[in-house]
C-alpha atoms as a PDB file:
ATOM      1  CA  MET A   1      -3.492   9.453  -6.811  1.00  0.00           C
ATOM      2  CA  LEU A   2      -1.649   8.380  -3.599  1.00  0.00           C
ATOM      3  CA  GLU A   3      -5.044   8.457  -1.979  1.00  0.00           C
ATOM      4  CA  GLY A   4      -6.491   6.554  -4.441  1.00  0.00           C
ATOM      5  CA  LEU A   5      -3.678   3.897  -4.494  1.00  0.00           C
ATOM      6  CA  GLU A   6      -3.809   3.695  -0.658  1.00  0.00           C
ATOM      7  CA  ASN A   7      -7.696   3.330  -0.082  1.00  0.00           C
ATOM      8  CA  GLU A   8      -7.188   0.340  -2.761  1.00  0.00           C
ATOM      9  CA  ILE A   9      -4.732  -1.235  -0.750  1.00  0.00           C
ATOM     10  CA  ILE A  10      -6.724  -0.633   2.600  1.00  0.00           C
ATOM     11  CA  GLU A  11      -9.487  -1.765   1.351  1.00  0.00           C
ATOM     12  CA  PHE A  12      -8.183  -5.141  -0.043  1.00  0.00           C
ATOM     13  CA  PHE A  13      -6.633  -5.831   3.076  1.00  0.00           C
ATOM     14  CA  THR A  14      -9.834  -4.930   4.994  1.00  0.00           C
ATOM     15  CA  ALA A  15     -11.673  -7.490   2.850  1.00  0.00           C
ATOM     16  CA  ASN A  16      -9.139  -9.987   2.565  1.00  0.00           C
ATOM     17  CA  PRO A  17      -6.053  -9.495   5.689  1.00  0.00           C
ATOM     18  CA  HIS A  18      -4.717 -12.921   5.199  1.00  0.00           C
ATOM     19  CA  THR A  19      -4.009 -12.915   0.936  1.00  0.00           C
ATOM     20  CA  LYS A  20      -1.463 -10.909  -1.197  1.00  0.00           C
ATOM     21  CA  TYR A  21      -1.885  -8.207  -3.111  1.00  0.00           C
ATOM     22  CA  ILE A  22      -0.263  -8.260  -6.580  1.00  0.00           C
ATOM     23  CA  SER A  23      -0.180  -6.022  -9.265  1.00  0.00           C
ATOM     24  CA  SER A  24       1.898  -5.927 -12.697  1.00  0.00           C
ATOM     25  CA  GLU A  25       0.115  -2.857 -14.078  1.00  0.00           C
ATOM     26  CA  LEU A  26       1.575  -0.278 -12.341  1.00  0.00           C
ATOM     27  CA  SER A  27       3.986   2.286 -13.156  1.00  0.00           C
ATOM     28  CA  SER A  28       7.107   2.785 -11.440  1.00  0.00           C
ATOM     29  CA  TYR A  29       6.059   6.134  -9.693  1.00  0.00           C
ATOM     30  CA  GLU A  30       2.692   4.122  -8.604  1.00  0.00           C
ATOM     31  CA  ARG A  31       4.629   1.369  -7.236  1.00  0.00           C
ATOM     32  CA  LEU A  32       6.484   3.776  -5.088  1.00  0.00           C
ATOM     33  CA  LEU A  33       3.296   5.376  -3.825  1.00  0.00           C
ATOM     34  CA  VAL A  34       2.014   1.579  -2.913  1.00  0.00           C
ATOM     35  CA  HIS A  35       5.380   1.019  -0.777  1.00  0.00           C
ATOM     36  CA  ALA A  36       4.863   3.940   1.344  1.00  0.00           C
ATOM     37  CA  ALA A  37       1.403   3.578   1.791  1.00  0.00           C
ATOM     38  CA  SER A  38       2.250   0.315   2.357  1.00  0.00           C
ATOM     39  CA  SER A  39       5.133   0.876   4.914  1.00  0.00           C
ATOM     40  CA  TYR A  40       2.714   3.160   6.655  1.00  0.00           C
ATOM     41  CA  ASN A  41      -0.105   0.849   7.212  1.00  0.00           C
ATOM     42  CA  GLN A  42       2.352  -1.490   8.479  1.00  0.00           C
ATOM     43  CA  LEU A  43       2.149  -4.141   5.423  1.00  0.00           C
ATOM     44  CA  CYS A  44       5.314  -5.097   3.903  1.00  0.00           C
ATOM     45  CA  SER A  45       6.199  -4.795  -0.144  1.00  0.00           C
ATOM     46  CA  ARG A  46       7.997  -5.398  -2.219  1.00  0.00           C
ATOM     47  CA  SER A  47       8.866  -5.301  -6.013  1.00  0.00           C
ATOM     48  CA  PHE A  48      10.523  -8.105  -8.200  1.00  0.00           C
ATOM     49  CA  ASP A  49      10.737  -9.054 -12.145  1.00  0.00           C
ATOM     50  CA  GLU A  50       9.122 -12.038 -13.512  1.00  0.00           C
ATOM     51  CA  ASN A  51       8.925 -12.736 -17.478  1.00  0.00           C
ATOM     52  CA  GLY A  52       9.923  -9.299 -18.370  1.00  0.00           C
ATOM     53  CA  LYS A  53       7.222  -7.380 -15.959  1.00  0.00           C
ATOM     54  CA  ARG A  54       8.189  -5.510 -13.050  1.00  0.00           C
ATOM     55  CA  ILE A  55       5.351  -7.215 -10.118  1.00  0.00           C
ATOM     56  CA  LEU A  56       4.476  -5.594  -7.011  1.00  0.00           C
ATOM     57  CA  LEU A  57       3.791  -7.703  -3.952  1.00  0.00           C
ATOM     58  CA  VAL A  58       2.004  -6.735  -1.169  1.00  0.00           C
ATOM     59  CA  GLN A  59       1.271  -8.684   2.224  1.00  0.00           C
ATOM     60  CA  ASN A  60       0.054  -8.505   5.595  1.00  0.00           C
ATOM     61  CA  ARG A  61       2.898  -8.451   7.876  1.00  0.00           C
ATOM     62  CA  LYS A  62       0.992  -9.357  11.317  1.00  0.00           C
ATOM     63  CA  ARG A  63       1.307 -13.134  12.001  1.00  0.00           C
ATOM     64  CA  ASN A  64      -2.209 -12.982  13.329  1.00  0.00           C
ATOM     65  CA  GLY A  65      -3.480 -11.744  10.076  1.00  0.00           C
ATOM     66  CA  THR A  66      -5.538  -8.988  11.386  1.00  0.00           C
ATOM     67  CA  PHE A  67      -5.352  -5.579   9.693  1.00  0.00           C
ATOM     68  CA  SER A  68      -5.947  -2.114  10.807  1.00  0.00           C
ATOM     69  CA  PRO A  69      -5.388   0.620   8.791  1.00  0.00           C
ATOM     70  CA  VAL A  70      -3.838   3.644  10.157  1.00  0.00           C
ATOM     71  CA  ASP A  71      -5.980   6.914  10.922  1.00  0.00           C
ATOM     72  CA  PRO A  72      -5.409   9.413   9.666  1.00  0.00           C
ATOM     73  CA  SER A  73      -4.381   7.956   6.369  1.00  0.00           C
ATOM     74  CA  LEU A  74      -0.722   9.033   4.484  1.00  0.00           C
ATOM     75  CA  ALA A  75      -2.618  11.041   2.189  1.00  0.00           C
ATOM     76  CA  GLN A  76      -4.792  12.908   4.596  1.00  0.00           C
ATOM     77  CA  TYR A  77      -1.319  13.258   6.762  1.00  0.00           C
ATOM     78  CA  LEU A  78       0.238  14.769   4.259  1.00  0.00           C
ATOM     79  CA  LYS A  79      -2.500  17.027   3.535  1.00  0.00           C
ATOM     80  CA  MET A  80      -2.827  18.312   7.252  1.00  0.00           C
ATOM     81  CA  LYS A  81       1.289  18.730   7.271  1.00  0.00           C
ATOM     82  CA  SER A  82       1.156  20.759   3.953  1.00  0.00           C
ATOM     83  CA  ASN A  83      -1.636  22.979   5.294  1.00  0.00           C
ATOM     84  CA  ILE A  84       0.548  24.027   8.853  1.00  0.00           C
ATOM     85  CA  GLN A  85       3.568  25.273   6.962  1.00  0.00           C
END
């Protein structure tokens, strides 16, 4: 699940580094994962209530509008760490 959500965020910001990713269709657990993947990839995310729905907003925090995903991805990093122990 983390890998799929992280890939969605990475693909979105690779193609559209200047825009905002907005979703109202995620569960609380999925929002948690997106917040973690966003922070790991140096993106800014927040959740808020709007008209009775929980909205997730992710945006690029770099002022020059560039986006470069972190390598390895968070999902890959966690897999590597779990194999070490």
